[in-house]
Amino acid sequence: MDGVEREETWSDSQSAGQHQDGGESTGHASGRRIMAILRAEKGDLTDDDYQHMRKVVGYVRRHLAQRPSGDVRDSRWRHSLMNWGHDPLGG
């Protein structure tokens, strides 16, 4: 999946996750930041960027362990993970 397809799929998942004040979900905001980090040159990354990526890895690991039973293709669980930059179906 190329970057454009990844962004389109990611944008489909905006309704998943925790929303504060009716705005953008925490995961979706993180996803925007992840996309910016992925576009950046390695030498341009800050300590804060690396800290954010460690946070993302922890979130993804915890939520992968909570996989629901059954078909997850259109599940909030999958969309939440996609907000954080990970498609558990390998897409």
PDB file of N, CA and C in Angstrom:
ATOM      1  N   MET A   1       0.858  -1.163   0.000  1.00  0.00           N
ATOM      2  CA  MET A   1       0.000   0.000   0.000  1.00  0.00           C
ATOM      3  C   MET A   1       0.906   1.227   0.000  1.00  0.00           C
ATOM      4  N   ASP A   2       0.682   2.148  -0.926  1.00  0.00           N
ATOM      5  CA  ASP A   2       1.519   3.343  -0.969  1.00  0.00           C
ATOM      6  C   ASP A   2       1.004   4.385   0.030  1.00  0.00           C
ATOM      7  N   GLY A   3       1.754   5.486   0.192  1.00  0.00           N
ATOM      8  CA  GLY A   3       1.414   6.502   1.173  1.00  0.00           C
ATOM      9  C   GLY A   3       0.048   7.118   0.971  1.00  0.00           C
ATOM     10  N   VAL A   4      -0.344   7.353  -0.293  1.00  0.00           N
ATOM     11  CA  VAL A   4      -1.648   7.958  -0.571  1.00  0.00           C
ATOM     12  C   VAL A   4      -2.761   7.005  -0.161  1.00  0.00           C
ATOM     13  N   GLU A   5      -2.634   5.729  -0.537  1.00  0.00           N
ATOM     14  CA  GLU A   5      -3.638   4.739  -0.139  1.00  0.00           C
ATOM     15  C   GLU A   5      -3.699   4.612   1.377  1.00  0.00           C
ATOM     16  N   ARG A   6      -2.544   4.657   2.032  1.00  0.00           N
ATOM     17  CA  ARG A   6      -2.491   4.554   3.483  1.00  0.00           C
ATOM     18  C   ARG A   6      -3.233   5.728   4.118  1.00  0.00           C
ATOM     19  N   GLU A   7      -3.017   6.947   3.589  1.00  0.00           N
ATOM     20  CA  GLU A   7      -3.701   8.117   4.139  1.00  0.00           C
ATOM     21  C   GLU A   7      -5.198   8.042   3.908  1.00  0.00           C
ATOM     22  N   GLU A   8      -5.625   7.547   2.741  1.00  0.00           N
ATOM     23  CA  GLU A   8      -7.055   7.435   2.464  1.00  0.00           C
ATOM     24  C   GLU A   8      -7.706   6.427   3.402  1.00  0.00           C
ATOM     25  N   THR A   9      -7.051   5.291   3.626  1.00  0.00           N
ATOM     26  CA  THR A   9      -7.586   4.274   4.530  1.00  0.00           C
ATOM     27  C   THR A   9      -7.607   4.806   5.947  1.00  0.00           C
ATOM     28  N   TRP A  10      -6.546   5.490   6.342  1.00  0.00           N
ATOM     29  CA  TRP A  10      -6.457   6.068   7.678  1.00  0.00           C
ATOM     30  C   TRP A  10      -7.566   7.087   7.886  1.00  0.00           C
ATOM     31  N   SER A  11      -7.859   7.903   6.886  1.00  0.00           N
ATOM     32  CA  SER A  11      -8.881   8.930   7.058  1.00  0.00           C
ATOM     33  C   SER A  11     -10.267   8.314   7.209  1.00  0.00           C
ATOM     34  N   ASP A  12     -10.473   7.096   6.709  1.00  0.00           N
ATOM     35  CA  ASP A  12     -11.754   6.403   6.880  1.00  0.00           C
ATOM     36  C   ASP A  12     -11.995   6.013   8.334  1.00  0.00           C
ATOM     37  N   SER A  13     -10.966   6.040   9.148  1.00  0.00           N
ATOM     38  CA  SER A  13     -11.073   5.548  10.521  1.00  0.00           C
ATOM     39  C   SER A  13     -11.268   6.669  11.537  1.00  0.00           C
ATOM     40  N   GLN A  14     -11.624   7.853  11.093  1.00  0.00           N
ATOM     41  CA  GLN A  14     -11.700   9.007  11.983  1.00  0.00           C
ATOM     42  C   GLN A  14     -12.713   8.871  13.104  1.00  0.00           C
ATOM     43  N   SER A  15     -13.740   8.063  12.930  1.00  0.00           N
ATOM     44  CA  SER A  15     -14.781   7.980  13.952  1.00  0.00           C
ATOM     45  C   SER A  15     -14.373   7.118  15.141  1.00  0.00           C
ATOM     46  N   ALA A  16     -13.312   6.343  15.026  1.00  0.00           N
ATOM     47  CA  ALA A  16     -12.880   5.469  16.118  1.00  0.00           C
ATOM     48  C   ALA A  16     -12.055   6.249  17.134  1.00  0.00           C
ATOM     49  N   GLY A  17     -12.016   5.732  18.347  1.00  0.00           N
ATOM     50  CA  GLY A  17     -11.150   6.301  19.368  1.00  0.00           C
ATOM     51  C   GLY A  17     -11.832   7.310  20.266  1.00  0.00           C
ATOM     52  N   GLN A  18     -11.038   7.830  21.217  1.00  0.00           N
ATOM     53  CA  GLN A  18     -11.547   8.794  22.180  1.00  0.00           C
ATOM     54  C   GLN A  18     -11.549  10.187  21.581  1.00  0.00           C
ATOM     55  N   HIS A  19     -12.680  10.867  21.717  1.00  0.00           N
ATOM     56  CA  HIS A  19     -12.819  12.240  21.234  1.00  0.00           C
ATOM     57  C   HIS A  19     -12.979  13.170  22.426  1.00  0.00           C
ATOM     58  N   GLN A  20     -12.225  14.241  22.432  1.00  0.00           N
ATOM     59  CA  GLN A  20     -12.362  15.224  23.496  1.00  0.00           C
ATOM     60  C   GLN A  20     -13.063  16.448  22.939  1.00  0.00           C
ATOM     61  N   ASP A  21     -14.074  16.903  23.641  1.00  0.00           N
ATOM     62  CA  ASP A  21     -14.824  18.097  23.253  1.00  0.00           C
ATOM     63  C   ASP A  21     -15.430  17.979  21.865  1.00  0.00           C
ATOM     64  N   GLY A  22     -15.774  16.758  21.439  1.00  0.00           N
ATOM     65  CA  GLY A  22     -16.405  16.556  20.141  1.00  0.00           C
ATOM     66  C   GLY A  22     -15.476  16.769  18.964  1.00  0.00           C
ATOM     67  N   GLY A  23     -14.202  16.947  19.216  1.00  0.00           N
ATOM     68  CA  GLY A  23     -13.240  17.197  18.146  1.00  0.00           C
ATOM     69  C   GLY A  23     -12.575  15.941  17.645  1.00  0.00           C
ATOM     70  N   GLU A  24     -11.384  16.102  17.148  1.00  0.00           N
ATOM     71  CA  GLU A  24     -10.599  15.013  16.585  1.00  0.00           C
ATOM     72  C   GLU A  24     -10.199  14.025  17.685  1.00  0.00           C
ATOM     73  N   SER A  25     -10.212  12.738  17.353  1.00  0.00           N
ATOM     74  CA  SER A  25      -9.822  11.733  18.344  1.00  0.00           C
ATOM     75  C   SER A  25      -8.322  11.833  18.631  1.00  0.00           C
ATOM     76  N   THR A  26      -7.961  11.348  19.805  1.00  0.00           N
ATOM     77  CA  THR A  26      -6.556  11.332  20.214  1.00  0.00           C
ATOM     78  C   THR A  26      -5.722  10.549  19.203  1.00  0.00           C
ATOM     79  N   GLY A  27      -6.224   9.379  18.806  1.00  0.00           N
ATOM     80  CA  GLY A  27      -5.490   8.540  17.852  1.00  0.00           C
ATOM     81  C   GLY A  27      -5.382   9.185  16.485  1.00  0.00           C
ATOM     82  N   HIS A  28      -6.432   9.873  16.055  1.00  0.00           N
ATOM     83  CA  HIS A  28      -6.393  10.507  14.739  1.00  0.00           C
ATOM     84  C   HIS A  28      -5.373  11.635  14.726  1.00  0.00           C
ATOM     85  N   ALA A  29      -5.333  12.419  15.803  1.00  0.00           N
ATOM     86  CA  ALA A  29      -4.320  13.474  15.906  1.00  0.00           C
ATOM     87  C   ALA A  29      -2.922  12.859  15.892  1.00  0.00           C
ATOM     88  N   SER A  30      -2.772  11.736  16.603  1.00  0.00           N
ATOM     89  CA  SER A  30      -1.488  11.039  16.601  1.00  0.00           C
ATOM     90  C   SER A  30      -1.144  10.548  15.201  1.00  0.00           C
ATOM     91  N   GLY A  31      -2.156  10.055  14.486  1.00  0.00           N
ATOM     92  CA  GLY A  31      -1.934   9.576  13.116  1.00  0.00           C
ATOM     93  C   GLY A  31      -1.412  10.669  12.201  1.00  0.00           C
ATOM     94  N   ARG A  32      -1.934  11.885  12.365  1.00  0.00           N
ATOM     95  CA  ARG A  32      -1.424  13.004  11.558  1.00  0.00           C
ATOM     96  C   ARG A  32       0.048  13.246  11.880  1.00  0.00           C
ATOM     97  N   ARG A  33       0.379  13.159  13.159  1.00  0.00           N
ATOM     98  CA  ARG A  33       1.769  13.354  13.560  1.00  0.00           C
ATOM     99  C   ARG A  33       2.651  12.230  13.025  1.00  0.00           C
ATOM    100  N   ILE A  34       2.167  11.001  13.073  1.00  0.00           N
ATOM    101  CA  ILE A  34       2.922   9.868  12.542  1.00  0.00           C
ATOM    102  C   ILE A  34       3.223  10.073  11.063  1.00  0.00           C
ATOM    103  N   MET A  35       2.223  10.528  10.305  1.00  0.00           N
ATOM    104  CA  MET A  35       2.438  10.767   8.866  1.00  0.00           C
ATOM    105  C   MET A  35       3.523  11.822   8.658  1.00  0.00           C
ATOM    106  N   ALA A  36       3.529  12.863   9.482  1.00  0.00           N
ATOM    107  CA  ALA A  36       4.565  13.896   9.374  1.00  0.00           C
ATOM    108  C   ALA A  36       5.937  13.320   9.714  1.00  0.00           C
ATOM    109  N   ILE A  37       6.002  12.469  10.724  1.00  0.00           N
ATOM    110  CA  ILE A  37       7.271  11.840  11.109  1.00  0.00           C
ATOM    111  C   ILE A  37       7.773  10.938   9.986  1.00  0.00           C
ATOM    112  N   LEU A  38       6.871  10.188   9.367  1.00  0.00           N
ATOM    113  CA  LEU A  38       7.267   9.295   8.275  1.00  0.00           C
ATOM    114  C   LEU A  38       7.782  10.059   7.059  1.00  0.00           C
ATOM    115  N   ARG A  39       7.280  11.257   6.855  1.00  0.00           N
ATOM    116  CA  ARG A  39       7.731  12.089   5.723  1.00  0.00           C
ATOM    117  C   ARG A  39       9.063  12.784   6.011  1.00  0.00           C
ATOM    118  N   ALA A  40       9.417  12.910   7.284  1.00  0.00           N
ATOM    119  CA  ALA A  40      10.603  13.666   7.685  1.00  0.00           C
ATOM    120  C   ALA A  40      11.888  12.884   7.393  1.00  0.00           C
ATOM    121  N   GLU A  41      12.952  13.622   7.207  1.00  0.00           N
ATOM    122  CA  GLU A  41      14.280  13.020   7.102  1.00  0.00           C
ATOM    123  C   GLU A  41      14.704  12.591   8.504  1.00  0.00           C
ATOM    124  N   LYS A  42      15.393  11.485   8.604  1.00  0.00           N
ATOM    125  CA  LYS A  42      15.790  10.957   9.908  1.00  0.00           C
ATOM    126  C   LYS A  42      16.550  12.006  10.726  1.00  0.00           C
ATOM    127  N   GLY A  43      17.405  12.753  10.085  1.00  0.00           N
ATOM    128  CA  GLY A  43      18.195  13.768  10.781  1.00  0.00           C
ATOM    129  C   GLY A  43      17.372  14.930  11.306  1.00  0.00           C
ATOM    130  N   ASP A  44      16.150  15.075  10.812  1.00  0.00           N
ATOM    131  CA  ASP A  44      15.275  16.166  11.247  1.00  0.00           C
ATOM    132  C   ASP A  44      14.376  15.773  12.419  1.00  0.00           C
ATOM    133  N   LEU A  45      14.392  14.505  12.812  1.00  0.00           N
ATOM    134  CA  LEU A  45      13.529  14.052  13.906  1.00  0.00           C
ATOM    135  C   LEU A  45      14.060  14.557  15.243  1.00  0.00           C
ATOM    136  N   THR A  46      13.131  14.916  16.120  1.00  0.00           N
ATOM    137  CA  THR A  46      13.482  15.441  17.435  1.00  0.00           C
ATOM    138  C   THR A  46      13.329  14.347  18.497  1.00  0.00           C
ATOM    139  N   ASP A  47      13.832  14.637  19.679  1.00  0.00           N
ATOM    140  CA  ASP A  47      13.631  13.707  20.797  1.00  0.00           C
ATOM    141  C   ASP A  47      12.144  13.508  21.053  1.00  0.00           C
ATOM    142  N   ASP A  48      11.358  14.555  20.879  1.00  0.00           N
ATOM    143  CA  ASP A  48       9.911  14.467  21.059  1.00  0.00           C
ATOM    144  C   ASP A  48       9.284  13.528  20.020  1.00  0.00           C
ATOM    145  N   ASP A  49       9.796  13.559  18.788  1.00  0.00           N
ATOM    146  CA  ASP A  49       9.301  12.641  17.752  1.00  0.00           C
ATOM    147  C   ASP A  49       9.574  11.188  18.141  1.00  0.00           C
ATOM    148  N   TYR A  50      10.787  10.916  18.633  1.00  0.00           N
ATOM    149  CA  TYR A  50      11.129   9.553  19.052  1.00  0.00           C
ATOM    150  C   TYR A  50      10.280   9.126  20.249  1.00  0.00           C
ATOM    151  N   GLN A  51      10.034  10.042  21.177  1.00  0.00           N
ATOM    152  CA  GLN A  51       9.184   9.733  22.325  1.00  0.00           C
ATOM    153  C   GLN A  51       7.763   9.412  21.856  1.00  0.00           C
ATOM    154  N   HIS A  52       7.262  10.162  20.880  1.00  0.00           N
ATOM    155  CA  HIS A  52       5.921   9.896  20.358  1.00  0.00           C
ATOM    156  C   HIS A  52       5.858   8.511  19.707  1.00  0.00           C
ATOM    157  N   MET A  53       6.880   8.146  18.966  1.00  0.00           N
ATOM    158  CA  MET A  53       6.880   6.837  18.306  1.00  0.00           C
ATOM    159  C   MET A  53       6.941   5.705  19.336  1.00  0.00           C
ATOM    160  N   ARG A  54       7.662   5.900  20.430  1.00  0.00           N
ATOM    161  CA  ARG A  54       7.656   4.885  21.497  1.00  0.00           C
ATOM    162  C   ARG A  54       6.255   4.753  22.091  1.00  0.00           C
ATOM    163  N   LYS A  55       5.565   5.870  22.254  1.00  0.00           N
ATOM    164  CA  LYS A  55       4.188   5.860  22.757  1.00  0.00           C
ATOM    165  C   LYS A  55       3.286   5.086  21.797  1.00  0.00           C
ATOM    166  N   VAL A  56       3.472   5.310  20.505  1.00  0.00           N
ATOM    167  CA  VAL A  56       2.673   4.628  19.486  1.00  0.00           C
ATOM    168  C   VAL A  56       2.908   3.121  19.538  1.00  0.00           C
ATOM    169  N   VAL A  57       4.159   2.716  19.634  1.00  0.00           N
ATOM    170  CA  VAL A  57       4.487   1.285  19.687  1.00  0.00           C
ATOM    171  C   VAL A  57       3.821   0.647  20.908  1.00  0.00           C
ATOM    172  N   GLY A  58       3.863   1.312  22.049  1.00  0.00           N
ATOM    173  CA  GLY A  58       3.219   0.783  23.249  1.00  0.00           C
ATOM    174  C   GLY A  58       1.715   0.651  23.070  1.00  0.00           C
ATOM    175  N   TYR A  59       1.093   1.672  22.486  1.00  0.00           N
ATOM    176  CA  TYR A  59      -0.355   1.631  22.251  1.00  0.00           C
ATOM    177  C   TYR A  59      -0.711   0.461  21.334  1.00  0.00           C
ATOM    178  N   VAL A  60       0.010   0.333  20.245  1.00  0.00           N
ATOM    179  CA  VAL A  60      -0.287  -0.718  19.269  1.00  0.00           C
ATOM    180  C   VAL A  60      -0.114  -2.098  19.906  1.00  0.00           C
ATOM    181  N   ARG A  61       0.951  -2.307  20.636  1.00  0.00           N
ATOM    182  CA  ARG A  61       1.170  -3.612  21.286  1.00  0.00           C
ATOM    183  C   ARG A  61       0.039  -3.953  22.257  1.00  0.00           C
ATOM    184  N   ARG A  62      -0.357  -2.988  23.076  1.00  0.00           N
ATOM    185  CA  ARG A  62      -1.441  -3.241  24.041  1.00  0.00           C
ATOM    186  C   ARG A  62      -2.747  -3.584  23.333  1.00  0.00           C
ATOM    187  N   HIS A  63      -3.057  -2.852  22.284  1.00  0.00           N
ATOM    188  CA  HIS A  63      -4.337  -3.065  21.609  1.00  0.00           C
ATOM    189  C   HIS A  63      -4.348  -4.315  20.722  1.00  0.00           C
ATOM    190  N   LEU A  64      -3.208  -4.687  20.189  1.00  0.00           N
ATOM    191  CA  LEU A  64      -3.152  -5.950  19.447  1.00  0.00           C
ATOM    192  C   LEU A  64      -3.479  -7.124  20.368  1.00  0.00           C
ATOM    193  N   ALA A  65      -3.087  -7.021  21.615  1.00  0.00           N
ATOM    194  CA  ALA A  65      -3.366  -8.086  22.581  1.00  0.00           C
ATOM    195  C   ALA A  65      -4.851  -8.164  22.938  1.00  0.00           C
ATOM    196  N   GLN A  66      -5.608  -7.147  22.589  1.00  0.00           N
ATOM    197  CA  GLN A  66      -7.041  -7.095  22.914  1.00  0.00           C
ATOM    198  C   GLN A  66      -7.916  -7.362  21.696  1.00  0.00           C
ATOM    199  N   ARG A  67      -7.379  -8.053  20.714  1.00  0.00           N
ATOM    200  CA  ARG A  67      -8.124  -8.316  19.481  1.00  0.00           C
ATOM    201  C   ARG A  67      -9.469  -8.987  19.782  1.00  0.00           C
ATOM    202  N   PRO A  68     -10.557  -8.419  19.267  1.00  0.00           N
ATOM    203  CA  PRO A  68     -11.864  -9.046  19.485  1.00  0.00           C
ATOM    204  C   PRO A  68     -12.019 -10.279  18.603  1.00  0.00           C
ATOM    205  N   SER A  69     -12.952 -11.139  18.964  1.00  0.00           N
ATOM    206  CA  SER A  69     -13.209 -12.325  18.149  1.00  0.00           C
ATOM    207  C   SER A  69     -14.041 -11.927  16.931  1.00  0.00           C
ATOM    208  N   GLY A  70     -14.011 -12.768  15.946  1.00  0.00           N
ATOM    209  CA  GLY A  70     -14.824 -12.542  14.752  1.00  0.00           C
ATOM    210  C   GLY A  70     -14.139 -11.665  13.720  1.00  0.00           C
ATOM    211  N   ASP A  71     -14.934 -11.207  12.786  1.00  0.00           N
ATOM    212  CA  ASP A  71     -14.456 -10.382  11.674  1.00  0.00           C
ATOM    213  C   ASP A  71     -14.148  -8.972  12.178  1.00  0.00           C
ATOM    214  N   VAL A  72     -12.920  -8.533  12.008  1.00  0.00           N
ATOM    215  CA  VAL A  72     -12.515  -7.222  12.518  1.00  0.00           C
ATOM    216  C   VAL A  72     -12.355  -6.177  11.411  1.00  0.00           C
ATOM    217  N   ARG A  73     -12.667  -6.545  10.171  1.00  0.00           N
ATOM    218  CA  ARG A  73     -12.433  -5.623   9.049  1.00  0.00           C
ATOM    219  C   ARG A  73     -13.038  -4.243   9.266  1.00  0.00           C
ATOM    220  N   ASP A  74     -14.250  -4.173   9.768  1.00  0.00           N
ATOM    221  CA  ASP A  74     -14.910  -2.881   9.977  1.00  0.00           C
ATOM    222  C   ASP A  74     -15.106  -2.568  11.452  1.00  0.00           C
ATOM    223  N   SER A  75     -14.261  -3.121  12.302  1.00  0.00           N
ATOM    224  CA  SER A  75     -14.422  -2.931  13.743  1.00  0.00           C
ATOM    225  C   SER A  75     -13.789  -1.623  14.219  1.00  0.00           C
ATOM    226  N   ARG A  76     -14.322  -1.097  15.302  1.00  0.00           N
ATOM    227  CA  ARG A  76     -13.736   0.094  15.928  1.00  0.00           C
ATOM    228  C   ARG A  76     -12.312  -0.206  16.397  1.00  0.00           C
ATOM    229  N   TRP A  77     -12.074  -1.453  16.827  1.00  0.00           N
ATOM    230  CA  TRP A  77     -10.741  -1.858  17.256  1.00  0.00           C
ATOM    231  C   TRP A  77      -9.731  -1.646  16.128  1.00  0.00           C
ATOM    232  N   ARG A  78     -10.059  -2.147  14.935  1.00  0.00           N
ATOM    233  CA  ARG A  78      -9.156  -2.000  13.797  1.00  0.00           C
ATOM    234  C   ARG A  78      -8.987  -0.532  13.420  1.00  0.00           C
ATOM    235  N   HIS A  79     -10.089   0.204  13.372  1.00  0.00           N
ATOM    236  CA  HIS A  79     -10.009   1.611  12.979  1.00  0.00           C
ATOM    237  C   HIS A  79      -9.212   2.429  13.990  1.00  0.00           C
ATOM    238  N   SER A  80      -9.343   2.085  15.259  1.00  0.00           N
ATOM    239  CA  SER A  80      -8.549   2.773  16.269  1.00  0.00           C
ATOM    240  C   SER A  80      -7.058   2.525  16.040  1.00  0.00           C
ATOM    241  N   LEU A  81      -6.696   1.279  15.781  1.00  0.00           N
ATOM    242  CA  LEU A  81      -5.286   0.969  15.490  1.00  0.00           C
ATOM    243  C   LEU A  81      -4.818   1.677  14.221  1.00  0.00           C
ATOM    244  N   MET A  82      -5.681   1.752  13.230  1.00  0.00           N
ATOM    245  CA  MET A  82      -5.306   2.428  11.989  1.00  0.00           C
ATOM    246  C   MET A  82      -5.066   3.919  12.235  1.00  0.00           C
ATOM    247  N   ASN A  83      -5.829   4.514  13.148  1.00  0.00           N
ATOM    248  CA  ASN A  83      -5.582   5.913  13.505  1.00  0.00           C
ATOM    249  C   ASN A  83      -4.161   6.107  13.996  1.00  0.00           C
ATOM    250  N   TRP A  84      -3.650   5.090  14.686  1.00  0.00           N
ATOM    251  CA  TRP A  84      -2.307   5.164  15.255  1.00  0.00           C
ATOM    252  C   TRP A  84      -1.247   4.659  14.276  1.00  0.00           C
ATOM    253  N   GLY A  85      -1.640   4.414  13.031  1.00  0.00           N
ATOM    254  CA  GLY A  85      -0.678   4.073  11.991  1.00  0.00           C
ATOM    255  C   GLY A  85      -0.436   2.598  11.783  1.00  0.00           C
ATOM    256  N   HIS A  86      -1.314   1.748  12.331  1.00  0.00           N
ATOM    257  CA  HIS A  86      -1.120   0.300  12.180  1.00  0.00           C
ATOM    258  C   HIS A  86      -2.409  -0.367  11.735  1.00  0.00           C
ATOM    259  N   ASP A  87      -2.362  -1.053  10.605  1.00  0.00           N
ATOM    260  CA  ASP A  87      -3.514  -1.842  10.157  1.00  0.00           C
ATOM    261  C   ASP A  87      -3.258  -3.279  10.555  1.00  0.00           C
ATOM    262  N   PRO A  88      -4.022  -3.804  11.511  1.00  0.00           N
ATOM    263  CA  PRO A  88      -3.775  -5.171  11.979  1.00  0.00           C
ATOM    264  C   PRO A  88      -4.036  -6.246  10.932  1.00  0.00           C
ATOM    265  N   LEU A  89      -4.654  -5.870   9.820  1.00  0.00           N
ATOM    266  CA  LEU A  89      -4.864  -6.837   8.746  1.00  0.00           C
ATOM    267  C   LEU A  89      -3.729  -6.809   7.731  1.00  0.00           C
ATOM    268  N   GLY A  90      -2.689  -6.051   8.051  1.00  0.00           N
ATOM    269  CA  GLY A  90      -1.494  -6.052   7.219  1.00  0.00           C
ATOM    270  C   GLY A  90      -1.540  -5.146   6.020  1.00  0.00           C
ATOM    271  N   GLY A  91      -2.565  -4.304   5.933  1.00  0.00           N
ATOM    272  CA  GLY A  91      -2.715  -3.421   4.777  1.00  0.00           C
ATOM    273  C   GLY A  91      -1.834  -2.225   4.784  1.00  0.00           C
TER     274      GLY A  91
END
